[in-house]
PDB file of N, CA and C in Angstrom:
ATOM      1  N   UNK A   1     259.338  -8.179  41.981  1.00  0.00           N
ATOM      2  CA  UNK A   1     258.485  -7.136  42.272  1.00  0.00           C
ATOM      3  C   UNK A   1     258.538  -6.006  41.077  1.00  0.00           C
ATOM      4  N   UNK A   2     259.576  -5.730  40.517  1.00  0.00           N
ATOM      5  CA  UNK A   2     259.869  -4.418  39.461  1.00  0.00           C
ATOM      6  C   UNK A   2     258.797  -5.161  38.419  1.00  0.00           C
ATOM      7  N   UNK A   3     258.835  -6.255  37.936  1.00  0.00           N
ATOM      8  CA  UNK A   3     257.936  -6.538  36.537  1.00  0.00           C
ATOM      9  C   UNK A   3     256.427  -6.191  37.020  1.00  0.00           C
ATOM     10  N   UNK A   4     256.029  -6.368  38.261  1.00  0.00           N
ATOM     11  CA  UNK A   4     254.591  -6.302  38.549  1.00  0.00           C
ATOM     12  C   UNK A   4     254.330  -4.712  38.628  1.00  0.00           C
ATOM     13  N   UNK A   5     255.315  -3.662  39.230  1.00  0.00           N
ATOM     14  CA  UNK A   5     255.101  -2.441  39.096  1.00  0.00           C
ATOM     15  C   UNK A   5     255.128  -1.788  37.875  1.00  0.00           C
ATOM     16  N   UNK A   6     256.117  -2.558  36.919  1.00  0.00           N
ATOM     17  CA  UNK A   6     256.063  -1.935  35.480  1.00  0.00           C
ATOM     18  C   UNK A   6     254.984  -2.174  34.893  1.00  0.00           C
ATOM     19  N   UNK A   7     254.290  -3.248  35.062  1.00  0.00           N
ATOM     20  CA  UNK A   7     252.819  -3.616  34.532  1.00  0.00           C
ATOM     21  C   UNK A   7     251.772  -2.865  35.146  1.00  0.00           C
ATOM     22  N   UNK A   8     252.220  -1.913  36.080  1.00  0.00           N
ATOM     23  CA  UNK A   8     250.855  -1.286  36.709  1.00  0.00           C
ATOM     24  C   UNK A   8     250.306  -1.908  37.891  1.00  0.00           C
ATOM     25  N   UNK A   9     250.771  -3.046  38.404  1.00  0.00           N
ATOM     26  CA  UNK A   9     250.133  -3.689  39.698  1.00  0.00           C
ATOM     27  C   UNK A   9     251.098  -3.088  40.862  1.00  0.00           C
ATOM     28  N   UNK A  10     250.293  -2.609  41.725  1.00  0.00           N
ATOM     29  CA  UNK A  10     251.021  -2.324  43.031  1.00  0.00           C
ATOM     30  C   UNK A  10     250.355  -2.939  44.146  1.00  0.00           C
ATOM     31  N   UNK A  11     251.297  -3.503  45.215  1.00  0.00           N
ATOM     32  CA  UNK A  11     250.924  -4.227  46.324  1.00  0.00           C
ATOM     33  C   UNK A  11     250.193  -3.453  47.179  1.00  0.00           C
ATOM     34  N   UNK A  12     249.247  -4.008  47.549  1.00  0.00           N
ATOM     35  CA  UNK A  12     248.111  -3.418  48.536  1.00  0.00           C
ATOM     36  C   UNK A  12     247.067  -3.221  48.060  1.00  0.00           C
ATOM     37  N   UNK A  13     246.899  -3.011  46.600  1.00  0.00           N
ATOM     38  CA  UNK A  13     245.517  -2.464  46.045  1.00  0.00           C
ATOM     39  C   UNK A  13     244.451  -3.312  46.228  1.00  0.00           C
ATOM     40  N   UNK A  14     244.686  -4.591  46.041  1.00  0.00           N
ATOM     41  CA  UNK A  14     243.509  -5.399  45.945  1.00  0.00           C
ATOM     42  C   UNK A  14     243.197  -5.941  47.396  1.00  0.00           C
ATOM     43  N   UNK A  15     244.062  -5.694  48.333  1.00  0.00           N
ATOM     44  CA  UNK A  15     243.733  -6.083  49.804  1.00  0.00           C
ATOM     45  C   UNK A  15     242.858  -4.865  50.290  1.00  0.00           C
ATOM     46  N   UNK A  16     243.111  -3.710  49.776  1.00  0.00           N
ATOM     47  CA  UNK A  16     242.295  -2.457  50.412  1.00  0.00           C
ATOM     48  C   UNK A  16     240.657  -2.839  49.770  1.00  0.00           C
ATOM     49  N   UNK A  17     240.674  -3.405  48.417  1.00  0.00           N
ATOM     50  CA  UNK A  17     239.193  -3.714  48.118  1.00  0.00           C
ATOM     51  C   UNK A  17     238.707  -4.926  48.903  1.00  0.00           C
ATOM     52  N   UNK A  18     239.523  -5.877  49.193  1.00  0.00           N
ATOM     53  CA  UNK A  18     238.901  -6.935  50.152  1.00  0.00           C
ATOM     54  C   UNK A  18     238.432  -6.513  51.092  1.00  0.00           C
ATOM     55  N   UNK A  19     239.290  -5.630  51.912  1.00  0.00           N
ATOM     56  CA  UNK A  19     238.932  -5.481  53.237  1.00  0.00           C
ATOM     57  C   UNK A  19     237.434  -4.740  53.133  1.00  0.00           C
ATOM     58  N   UNK A  20     236.933  -4.218  52.128  1.00  0.00           N
ATOM     59  CA  UNK A  20     235.691  -3.641  51.961  1.00  0.00           C
ATOM     60  C   UNK A  20     234.476  -4.632  51.843  1.00  0.00           C
ATOM     61  N   UNK A  21     234.791  -5.605  51.868  1.00  0.00           N
ATOM     62  CA  UNK A  21     233.912  -6.874  51.591  1.00  0.00           C
ATOM     63  C   UNK A  21     232.794  -7.025  52.926  1.00  0.00           C
ATOM     64  N   UNK A  22     233.214  -7.173  54.080  1.00  0.00           N
ATOM     65  CA  UNK A  22     232.495  -7.038  55.405  1.00  0.00           C
ATOM     66  C   UNK A  22     231.514  -5.794  55.599  1.00  0.00           C
ATOM     67  N   UNK A  23     231.798  -4.922  54.758  1.00  0.00           N
ATOM     68  CA  UNK A  23     231.027  -3.692  54.891  1.00  0.00           C
ATOM     69  C   UNK A  23     229.826  -4.191  54.012  1.00  0.00           C
ATOM     70  N   UNK A  24     229.928  -4.852  53.016  1.00  0.00           N
ATOM     71  CA  UNK A  24     228.583  -5.355  52.335  1.00  0.00           C
ATOM     72  C   UNK A  24     227.794  -6.267  53.042  1.00  0.00           C
ATOM     73  N   UNK A  25     228.299  -7.240  53.825  1.00  0.00           N
ATOM     74  CA  UNK A  25     227.645  -8.051  54.685  1.00  0.00           C
ATOM     75  C   UNK A  25     226.537  -7.460  55.674  1.00  0.00           C
ATOM     76  N   UNK A  26     227.030  -6.408  55.989  1.00  0.00           N
ATOM     77  CA  UNK A  26     226.080  -5.760  57.092  1.00  0.00           C
ATOM     78  C   UNK A  26     225.017  -4.727  56.127  1.00  0.00           C
ATOM     79  N   UNK A  27     225.027  -4.705  55.071  1.00  0.00           N
ATOM     80  CA  UNK A  27     224.231  -3.784  54.206  1.00  0.00           C
ATOM     81  C   UNK A  27     222.789  -4.493  53.933  1.00  0.00           C
ATOM     82  N   UNK A  28     221.926  -3.672  54.466  1.00  0.00           N
ATOM     83  CA  UNK A  28     220.552  -4.111  54.281  1.00  0.00           C
ATOM     84  C   UNK A  28     219.851  -3.405  53.081  1.00  0.00           C
ATOM     85  N   UNK A  29     219.314  -4.547  52.464  1.00  0.00           N
ATOM     86  CA  UNK A  29     218.697  -4.099  51.257  1.00  0.00           C
ATOM     87  C   UNK A  29     217.105  -4.239  51.207  1.00  0.00           C
ATOM     88  N   UNK A  30     216.535  -3.658  50.320  1.00  0.00           N
ATOM     89  CA  UNK A  30     215.080  -3.193  50.794  1.00  0.00           C
ATOM     90  C   UNK A  30     214.284  -4.420  49.530  1.00  0.00           C
ATOM     91  N   UNK A  31     215.216  -4.785  48.464  1.00  0.00           N
ATOM     92  CA  UNK A  31     214.395  -5.642  47.404  1.00  0.00           C
ATOM     93  C   UNK A  31     215.293  -6.345  46.748  1.00  0.00           C
ATOM     94  N   UNK A  32     214.935  -7.464  45.975  1.00  0.00           N
ATOM     95  CA  UNK A  32     215.886  -8.403  45.273  1.00  0.00           C
ATOM     96  C   UNK A  32     216.968  -7.807  44.341  1.00  0.00           C
ATOM     97  N   UNK A  33     216.435  -6.682  43.823  1.00  0.00           N
ATOM     98  CA  UNK A  33     217.268  -5.687  42.883  1.00  0.00           C
ATOM     99  C   UNK A  33     218.360  -5.269  43.478  1.00  0.00           C
ATOM    100  N   UNK A  34     218.246  -4.727  44.677  1.00  0.00           N
ATOM    101  CA  UNK A  34     219.233  -4.200  45.502  1.00  0.00           C
ATOM    102  C   UNK A  34     220.440  -5.068  45.913  1.00  0.00           C
ATOM    103  N   UNK A  35     219.726  -6.400  46.498  1.00  0.00           N
ATOM    104  CA  UNK A  35     220.822  -7.395  46.749  1.00  0.00           C
ATOM    105  C   UNK A  35     221.445  -7.594  45.662  1.00  0.00           C
ATOM    106  N   UNK A  36     220.862  -8.096  44.502  1.00  0.00           N
ATOM    107  CA  UNK A  36     221.806  -8.322  43.417  1.00  0.00           C
ATOM    108  C   UNK A  36     222.832  -7.267  43.028  1.00  0.00           C
ATOM    109  N   UNK A  37     222.376  -6.071  43.110  1.00  0.00           N
ATOM    110  CA  UNK A  37     223.506  -4.894  42.992  1.00  0.00           C
ATOM    111  C   UNK A  37     224.755  -5.216  44.086  1.00  0.00           C
ATOM    112  N   UNK A  38     224.236  -5.456  45.370  1.00  0.00           N
ATOM    113  CA  UNK A  38     225.530  -5.888  46.481  1.00  0.00           C
ATOM    114  C   UNK A  38     226.250  -6.875  45.889  1.00  0.00           C
ATOM    115  N   UNK A  39     225.685  -8.139  45.369  1.00  0.00           N
ATOM    116  CA  UNK A  39     226.394  -9.103  45.043  1.00  0.00           C
ATOM    117  C   UNK A  39     227.438  -8.693  43.767  1.00  0.00           C
ATOM    118  N   UNK A  40     226.844  -7.936  42.875  1.00  0.00           N
ATOM    119  CA  UNK A  40     227.712  -7.413  41.671  1.00  0.00           C
ATOM    120  C   UNK A  40     228.830  -6.636  42.187  1.00  0.00           C
ATOM    121  N   UNK A  41     228.534  -5.991  43.382  1.00  0.00           N
ATOM    122  CA  UNK A  41     229.857  -5.038  43.813  1.00  0.00           C
ATOM    123  C   UNK A  41     230.854  -6.081  44.531  1.00  0.00           C
ATOM    124  N   UNK A  42     230.254  -6.800  45.257  1.00  0.00           N
ATOM    125  CA  UNK A  42     231.118  -7.911  45.839  1.00  0.00           C
ATOM    126  C   UNK A  42     231.989  -8.693  44.769  1.00  0.00           C
ATOM    127  N   UNK A  43     231.290  -9.028  43.683  1.00  0.00           N
ATOM    128  CA  UNK A  43     232.123  -9.786  42.759  1.00  0.00           C
ATOM    129  C   UNK A  43     233.116  -8.853  42.231  1.00  0.00           C
ATOM    130  N   UNK A  44     232.688  -7.569  41.917  1.00  0.00           N
ATOM    131  CA  UNK A  44     233.786  -6.710  41.247  1.00  0.00           C
ATOM    132  C   UNK A  44     235.053  -6.443  42.236  1.00  0.00           C
ATOM    133  N   UNK A  45     234.736  -6.074  43.356  1.00  0.00           N
ATOM    134  CA  UNK A  45     235.740  -6.030  44.464  1.00  0.00           C
ATOM    135  C   UNK A  45     236.750  -7.029  44.478  1.00  0.00           C
ATOM    136  N   UNK A  46     236.416  -8.429  44.355  1.00  0.00           N
ATOM    137  CA  UNK A  46     237.362  -9.606  44.198  1.00  0.00           C
ATOM    138  C   UNK A  46     238.183  -9.704  43.206  1.00  0.00           C
ATOM    139  N   UNK A  47     237.718  -8.937  42.020  1.00  0.00           N
ATOM    140  CA  UNK A  47     238.358  -9.407  40.681  1.00  0.00           C
ATOM    141  C   UNK A  47     239.944  -9.027  40.734  1.00  0.00           C
ATOM    142  N   UNK A  48     240.169  -7.834  41.141  1.00  0.00           N
ATOM    143  CA  UNK A  48     241.510  -7.476  40.980  1.00  0.00           C
ATOM    144  C   UNK A  48     242.672  -8.773  41.438  1.00  0.00           C
ATOM    145  N   UNK A  49     242.309  -9.344  42.621  1.00  0.00           N
ATOM    146  CA  UNK A  49     243.213 -10.281  43.265  1.00  0.00           C
ATOM    147  C   UNK A  49     243.081 -11.604  42.274  1.00  0.00           C
ATOM    148  N   UNK A  50     241.837 -11.857  41.993  1.00  0.00           N
ATOM    149  CA  UNK A  50     241.897 -13.066  41.004  1.00  0.00           C
ATOM    150  C   UNK A  50     242.490 -12.726  39.699  1.00  0.00           C
ATOM    151  N   UNK A  51     242.654 -11.596  39.052  1.00  0.00           N
ATOM    152  CA  UNK A  51     243.339 -11.219  37.975  1.00  0.00           C
ATOM    153  C   UNK A  51     244.962 -11.308  37.964  1.00  0.00           C
ATOM    154  N   UNK A  52     245.393 -10.699  39.524  1.00  0.00           N
ATOM    155  CA  UNK A  52     247.058 -10.914  39.555  1.00  0.00           C
ATOM    156  C   UNK A  52     246.991 -12.339  39.658  1.00  0.00           C
ATOM    157  N   UNK A  53     246.449 -13.149  40.323  1.00  0.00           N
ATOM    158  CA  UNK A  53     246.790 -14.577  40.634  1.00  0.00           C
ATOM    159  C   UNK A  53     246.643 -15.337  39.262  1.00  0.00           C
ATOM    160  N   UNK A  54     245.932 -14.824  38.412  1.00  0.00           N
ATOM    161  CA  UNK A  54     246.036 -15.617  37.010  1.00  0.00           C
ATOM    162  C   UNK A  54     247.350 -15.292  36.246  1.00  0.00           C
ATOM    163  N   UNK A  55     247.908 -14.093  36.089  1.00  0.00           N
ATOM    164  CA  UNK A  55     248.980 -13.653  35.427  1.00  0.00           C
ATOM    165  C   UNK A  55     250.383 -13.714  35.433  1.00  0.00           C
ATOM    166  N   UNK A  56     250.652 -14.271  36.756  1.00  0.00           N
ATOM    167  CA  UNK A  56     251.916 -14.163  37.061  1.00  0.00           C
ATOM    168  C   UNK A  56     253.274 -14.933  35.835  1.00  0.00           C
ATOM    169  N   UNK A  57     252.523 -16.094  35.250  1.00  0.00           N
ATOM    170  CA  UNK A  57     253.381 -16.575  34.278  1.00  0.00           C
ATOM    171  C   UNK A  57     253.863 -15.761  33.540  1.00  0.00           C
ATOM    172  N   UNK A  58     252.744 -14.857  32.877  1.00  0.00           N
ATOM    173  CA  UNK A  58     253.035 -13.811  31.996  1.00  0.00           C
ATOM    174  C   UNK A  58     254.051 -12.847  32.335  1.00  0.00           C
ATOM    175  N   UNK A  59     253.980 -12.332  33.440  1.00  0.00           N
ATOM    176  CA  UNK A  59     254.726 -11.244  33.925  1.00  0.00           C
ATOM    177  C   UNK A  59     256.306 -11.772  34.172  1.00  0.00           C
ATOM    178  N   UNK A  60     256.353 -13.160  34.877  1.00  0.00           N
ATOM    179  CA  UNK A  60     257.612 -13.635  35.017  1.00  0.00           C
ATOM    180  C   UNK A  60     258.252 -13.834  33.685  1.00  0.00           C
ATOM    181  N   UNK A  61     257.376 -14.275  32.628  1.00  0.00           N
ATOM    182  CA  UNK A  61     258.293 -14.464  31.178  1.00  0.00           C
ATOM    183  C   UNK A  61     258.722 -13.085  30.673  1.00  0.00           C
ATOM    184  N   UNK A  62     258.630 -11.747  31.171  1.00  0.00           N
ATOM    185  CA  UNK A  62     258.901 -10.765  30.782  1.00  0.00           C
ATOM    186  C   UNK A  62     260.227 -10.289  31.408  1.00  0.00           C
ATOM    187  N   UNK A  63     260.338 -10.917  32.628  1.00  0.00           N
ATOM    188  CA  UNK A  63     261.374 -10.504  33.525  1.00  0.00           C
ATOM    189  C   UNK A  63     262.805 -10.738  32.950  1.00  0.00           C
ATOM    190  N   UNK A  64     263.173 -11.593  32.188  1.00  0.00           N
ATOM    191  CA  UNK A  64     264.323 -11.561  31.487  1.00  0.00           C
ATOM    192  C   UNK A  64     264.748 -10.480  30.602  1.00  0.00           C
ATOM    193  N   UNK A  65     263.964  -9.989  29.965  1.00  0.00           N
ATOM    194  CA  UNK A  65     263.964  -8.866  29.139  1.00  0.00           C
ATOM    195  C   UNK A  65     264.090  -7.686  29.909  1.00  0.00           C
ATOM    196  N   UNK A  66     263.247  -7.507  30.896  1.00  0.00           N
ATOM    197  CA  UNK A  66     262.963  -6.193  31.931  1.00  0.00           C
ATOM    198  C   UNK A  66     264.427  -6.107  32.792  1.00  0.00           C
ATOM    199  N   UNK A  67     265.013  -7.229  33.126  1.00  0.00           N
ATOM    200  CA  UNK A  67     266.071  -6.870  33.859  1.00  0.00           C
ATOM    201  C   UNK A  67     267.384  -6.478  33.319  1.00  0.00           C
ATOM    202  N   UNK A  68     267.358  -6.500  31.948  1.00  0.00           N
ATOM    203  CA  UNK A  68     268.463  -5.939  31.181  1.00  0.00           C
ATOM    204  C   UNK A  68     268.534  -4.589  30.963  1.00  0.00           C
ATOM    205  N   UNK A  69     267.355  -3.868  31.015  1.00  0.00           N
ATOM    206  CA  UNK A  69     267.132  -2.487  30.759  1.00  0.00           C
ATOM    207  C   UNK A  69     267.153  -1.734  32.443  1.00  0.00           C
ATOM    208  N   UNK A  70     267.396  -2.189  33.391  1.00  0.00           N
ATOM    209  CA  UNK A  70     267.361  -1.610  34.427  1.00  0.00           C
ATOM    210  C   UNK A  70     268.867  -1.313  34.828  1.00  0.00           C
TER     211      UNK A  70
END
């Protein structure tokens, strides 16, 4: 866990963003441009979780070096 905190990743941050997604489902839009905007926001809200899932190999490769400094 220390490696993630050191890298600026805190637990729960992505969860809060994902919990906003149901609000977008009930949002009424007037035209296709607004609907596209909602889809862009939906995509953006998911990205932090995807990013965290892509990088554990990198962070765990740093762990041996970081544990010596603690």
